[in-house]
Amino acid sequence: MEPKEKEFQQLVSGCSAQHADYTASQLKAFRQYSINEQTGSEGVERVNAMMNNVAMGLTNEEIDALSQYIAGLH
């Protein structure tokens, strides 16, 4: 298994143990941090470059669906 694939598998296995509501709230916080960073606002501090980039392009509906899917992997 390649290093990036192994890192992804670890991330998914860690996330799958979380409740969907928790995962959704974290993804929304990552997205808000990206918005704050672009606009120079302050507020939510969720700094993780990879997760900020992933969440930045998701709608609320997509975050909710993804969170439900991830929760079902456990």
N, C-alpha and C. Protein backbone atom coordinates (compact mmCIF):
# COMPACT_ATOMS: atom_id res chain seq x y z
N MET A 1 0.85 -1.17 0.00
CA MET A 1 0.00 0.00 0.00
C MET A 1 0.90 1.24 0.00
N GLU A 2 0.58 2.19 -0.84
CA GLU A 2 1.36 3.42 -0.93
C GLU A 2 1.09 4.31 0.28
N PRO A 3 2.06 5.17 0.64
CA PRO A 3 1.90 6.01 1.84
C PRO A 3 0.62 6.85 1.85
N LYS A 4 0.26 7.47 0.72
CA LYS A 4 -0.96 8.30 0.69
C LYS A 4 -2.21 7.45 0.88
N GLU A 5 -2.21 6.26 0.30
CA GLU A 5 -3.36 5.37 0.46
C GLU A 5 -3.49 4.92 1.91
N LYS A 6 -2.36 4.62 2.54
CA LYS A 6 -2.37 4.21 3.94
C LYS A 6 -2.87 5.36 4.82
N GLU A 7 -2.41 6.57 4.54
CA GLU A 7 -2.85 7.75 5.31
C GLU A 7 -4.35 7.95 5.17
N PHE A 8 -4.87 7.77 3.94
CA PHE A 8 -6.31 7.91 3.71
C PHE A 8 -7.09 6.84 4.48
N GLN A 9 -6.61 5.60 4.46
CA GLN A 9 -7.29 4.52 5.18
C GLN A 9 -7.35 4.81 6.67
N GLN A 10 -6.26 5.35 7.23
CA GLN A 10 -6.24 5.69 8.65
C GLN A 10 -7.23 6.81 8.95
N LEU A 11 -7.30 7.79 8.08
CA LEU A 11 -8.23 8.90 8.25
C LEU A 11 -9.67 8.40 8.24
N VAL A 12 -10.01 7.57 7.27
CA VAL A 12 -11.37 7.05 7.16
C VAL A 12 -11.72 6.18 8.35
N SER A 13 -10.81 5.32 8.78
CA SER A 13 -11.12 4.45 9.91
C SER A 13 -11.32 5.26 11.19
N GLY A 14 -10.56 6.34 11.36
CA GLY A 14 -10.75 7.19 12.53
C GLY A 14 -12.05 7.96 12.47
N CYS A 15 -12.43 8.42 11.30
CA CYS A 15 -13.67 9.18 11.14
C CYS A 15 -14.89 8.30 11.25
N SER A 16 -14.79 7.07 10.83
CA SER A 16 -15.96 6.19 10.80
C SER A 16 -16.46 5.86 12.20
N ALA A 17 -15.63 6.08 13.20
CA ALA A 17 -16.04 5.81 14.58
C ALA A 17 -16.85 6.98 15.16
N GLN A 18 -16.95 8.07 14.43
CA GLN A 18 -17.65 9.27 14.91
C GLN A 18 -19.11 9.25 14.49
N HIS A 19 -19.94 9.93 15.28
CA HIS A 19 -21.33 10.10 14.91
C HIS A 19 -21.43 11.08 13.75
N ALA A 20 -22.43 10.92 12.92
CA ALA A 20 -22.60 11.77 11.73
C ALA A 20 -22.71 13.24 12.09
N ASP A 21 -23.42 13.56 13.18
CA ASP A 21 -23.58 14.97 13.57
C ASP A 21 -22.24 15.60 13.92
N TYR A 22 -21.38 14.85 14.60
CA TYR A 22 -20.06 15.36 14.97
C TYR A 22 -19.22 15.60 13.71
N THR A 23 -19.21 14.62 12.80
CA THR A 23 -18.44 14.76 11.57
C THR A 23 -18.92 15.96 10.76
N ALA A 24 -20.23 16.12 10.66
CA ALA A 24 -20.79 17.27 9.92
C ALA A 24 -20.37 18.58 10.55
N SER A 25 -20.42 18.67 11.87
CA SER A 25 -20.06 19.93 12.53
C SER A 25 -18.58 20.24 12.32
N GLN A 26 -17.73 19.21 12.31
CA GLN A 26 -16.30 19.43 12.08
C GLN A 26 -16.03 19.88 10.65
N LEU A 27 -16.69 19.24 9.69
CA LEU A 27 -16.51 19.63 8.29
C LEU A 27 -16.98 21.07 8.06
N LYS A 28 -18.07 21.45 8.70
CA LYS A 28 -18.58 22.82 8.56
C LYS A 28 -17.61 23.81 9.21
N ALA A 29 -16.97 23.41 10.30
CA ALA A 29 -15.98 24.29 10.93
C ALA A 29 -14.75 24.43 10.04
N PHE A 30 -14.31 23.34 9.41
CA PHE A 30 -13.19 23.43 8.47
C PHE A 30 -13.54 24.37 7.31
N ARG A 31 -14.76 24.23 6.80
CA ARG A 31 -15.20 25.09 5.70
C ARG A 31 -15.24 26.55 6.14
N GLN A 32 -15.76 26.81 7.33
CA GLN A 32 -15.84 28.19 7.82
C GLN A 32 -14.46 28.78 8.00
N TYR A 33 -13.51 27.99 8.46
CA TYR A 33 -12.14 28.49 8.60
C TYR A 33 -11.61 28.94 7.24
N SER A 34 -11.88 28.15 6.19
CA SER A 34 -11.43 28.52 4.85
C SER A 34 -12.04 29.84 4.41
N ILE A 35 -13.32 30.03 4.71
CA ILE A 35 -14.00 31.29 4.36
C ILE A 35 -13.37 32.44 5.15
N ASN A 36 -13.16 32.23 6.45
CA ASN A 36 -12.56 33.27 7.29
C ASN A 36 -11.18 33.65 6.78
N GLU A 37 -10.41 32.65 6.38
CA GLU A 37 -9.06 32.89 5.90
C GLU A 37 -9.08 33.74 4.62
N GLN A 38 -10.03 33.46 3.75
CA GLN A 38 -10.13 34.20 2.48
C GLN A 38 -10.62 35.63 2.69
N THR A 39 -11.48 35.84 3.67
CA THR A 39 -12.07 37.16 3.87
C THR A 39 -11.36 37.98 4.93
N GLY A 40 -10.40 37.36 5.63
CA GLY A 40 -9.68 38.07 6.68
C GLY A 40 -10.47 38.16 7.97
N SER A 41 -11.55 37.40 8.09
CA SER A 41 -12.37 37.38 9.30
C SER A 41 -11.72 36.50 10.35
N GLU A 42 -12.18 36.65 11.57
CA GLU A 42 -11.71 35.79 12.65
C GLU A 42 -12.90 35.00 13.16
N GLY A 43 -12.61 33.95 13.88
CA GLY A 43 -13.70 33.15 14.43
C GLY A 43 -13.29 31.71 14.58
N VAL A 44 -13.90 30.85 13.83
CA VAL A 44 -13.67 29.42 13.93
C VAL A 44 -12.21 29.10 13.60
N GLU A 45 -11.58 28.35 14.47
CA GLU A 45 -10.18 27.95 14.27
C GLU A 45 -10.09 26.44 14.07
N ARG A 46 -10.18 26.01 12.86
CA ARG A 46 -10.06 24.59 12.50
C ARG A 46 -9.02 24.53 11.41
N VAL A 47 -7.75 24.39 11.77
CA VAL A 47 -6.68 24.47 10.79
C VAL A 47 -6.14 23.09 10.46
N ASN A 48 -6.37 22.66 9.25
CA ASN A 48 -5.81 21.45 8.67
C ASN A 48 -5.94 21.66 7.17
N ALA A 49 -4.82 21.89 6.52
CA ALA A 49 -4.85 22.28 5.11
C ALA A 49 -5.66 21.33 4.25
N MET A 50 -5.47 20.03 4.43
CA MET A 50 -6.18 19.07 3.60
C MET A 50 -7.69 19.15 3.86
N MET A 51 -8.10 19.15 5.12
CA MET A 51 -9.53 19.17 5.44
C MET A 51 -10.16 20.51 5.08
N ASN A 52 -9.42 21.61 5.26
CA ASN A 52 -9.96 22.91 4.85
C ASN A 52 -10.25 22.92 3.36
N ASN A 53 -9.33 22.37 2.57
CA ASN A 53 -9.51 22.34 1.11
C ASN A 53 -10.67 21.44 0.71
N VAL A 54 -10.82 20.31 1.38
CA VAL A 54 -11.92 19.38 1.06
C VAL A 54 -13.26 20.03 1.41
N ALA A 55 -13.37 20.56 2.60
CA ALA A 55 -14.64 21.10 3.07
C ALA A 55 -15.04 22.38 2.35
N MET A 56 -14.07 23.13 1.88
CA MET A 56 -14.34 24.41 1.25
C MET A 56 -15.32 24.29 0.08
N GLY A 57 -15.26 23.20 -0.66
CA GLY A 57 -16.10 23.04 -1.84
C GLY A 57 -17.41 22.32 -1.60
N LEU A 58 -17.74 22.00 -0.35
CA LEU A 58 -18.95 21.23 -0.07
C LEU A 58 -20.10 22.11 0.40
N THR A 59 -21.30 21.75 -0.03
CA THR A 59 -22.51 22.42 0.46
C THR A 59 -22.93 21.75 1.77
N ASN A 60 -23.88 22.35 2.48
CA ASN A 60 -24.40 21.72 3.71
C ASN A 60 -24.99 20.35 3.41
N GLU A 61 -25.69 20.24 2.31
CA GLU A 61 -26.32 18.96 1.95
C GLU A 61 -25.26 17.89 1.68
N GLU A 62 -24.20 18.28 0.99
CA GLU A 62 -23.12 17.33 0.71
C GLU A 62 -22.39 16.93 1.98
N ILE A 63 -22.17 17.87 2.88
CA ILE A 63 -21.53 17.55 4.16
C ILE A 63 -22.39 16.58 4.94
N ASP A 64 -23.69 16.83 5.00
CA ASP A 64 -24.60 15.94 5.74
C ASP A 64 -24.60 14.53 5.14
N ALA A 65 -24.65 14.44 3.81
CA ALA A 65 -24.65 13.13 3.15
C ALA A 65 -23.32 12.41 3.37
N LEU A 66 -22.21 13.11 3.24
CA LEU A 66 -20.90 12.52 3.46
C LEU A 66 -20.75 12.04 4.90
N SER A 67 -21.24 12.82 5.84
CA SER A 67 -21.16 12.45 7.26
C SER A 67 -21.95 11.18 7.54
N GLN A 68 -23.13 11.08 6.95
CA GLN A 68 -23.93 9.86 7.11
C GLN A 68 -23.23 8.66 6.51
N TYR A 69 -22.64 8.84 5.36
CA TYR A 69 -21.91 7.76 4.69
C TYR A 69 -20.73 7.30 5.54
N ILE A 70 -19.93 8.25 6.01
CA ILE A 70 -18.75 7.90 6.82
C ILE A 70 -19.15 7.19 8.10
N ALA A 71 -20.22 7.65 8.74
CA ALA A 71 -20.69 7.01 9.98
C ALA A 71 -21.13 5.56 9.71
N GLY A 72 -21.62 5.29 8.52
CA GLY A 72 -22.06 3.95 8.17
C GLY A 72 -20.92 2.98 7.85
N LEU A 73 -19.70 3.49 7.74
CA LEU A 73 -18.56 2.62 7.43
C LEU A 73 -18.10 1.81 8.62
N HIS A 74 -18.47 2.23 9.83
CA HIS A 74 -17.98 1.58 11.04
C HIS A 74 -18.67 0.27 11.28
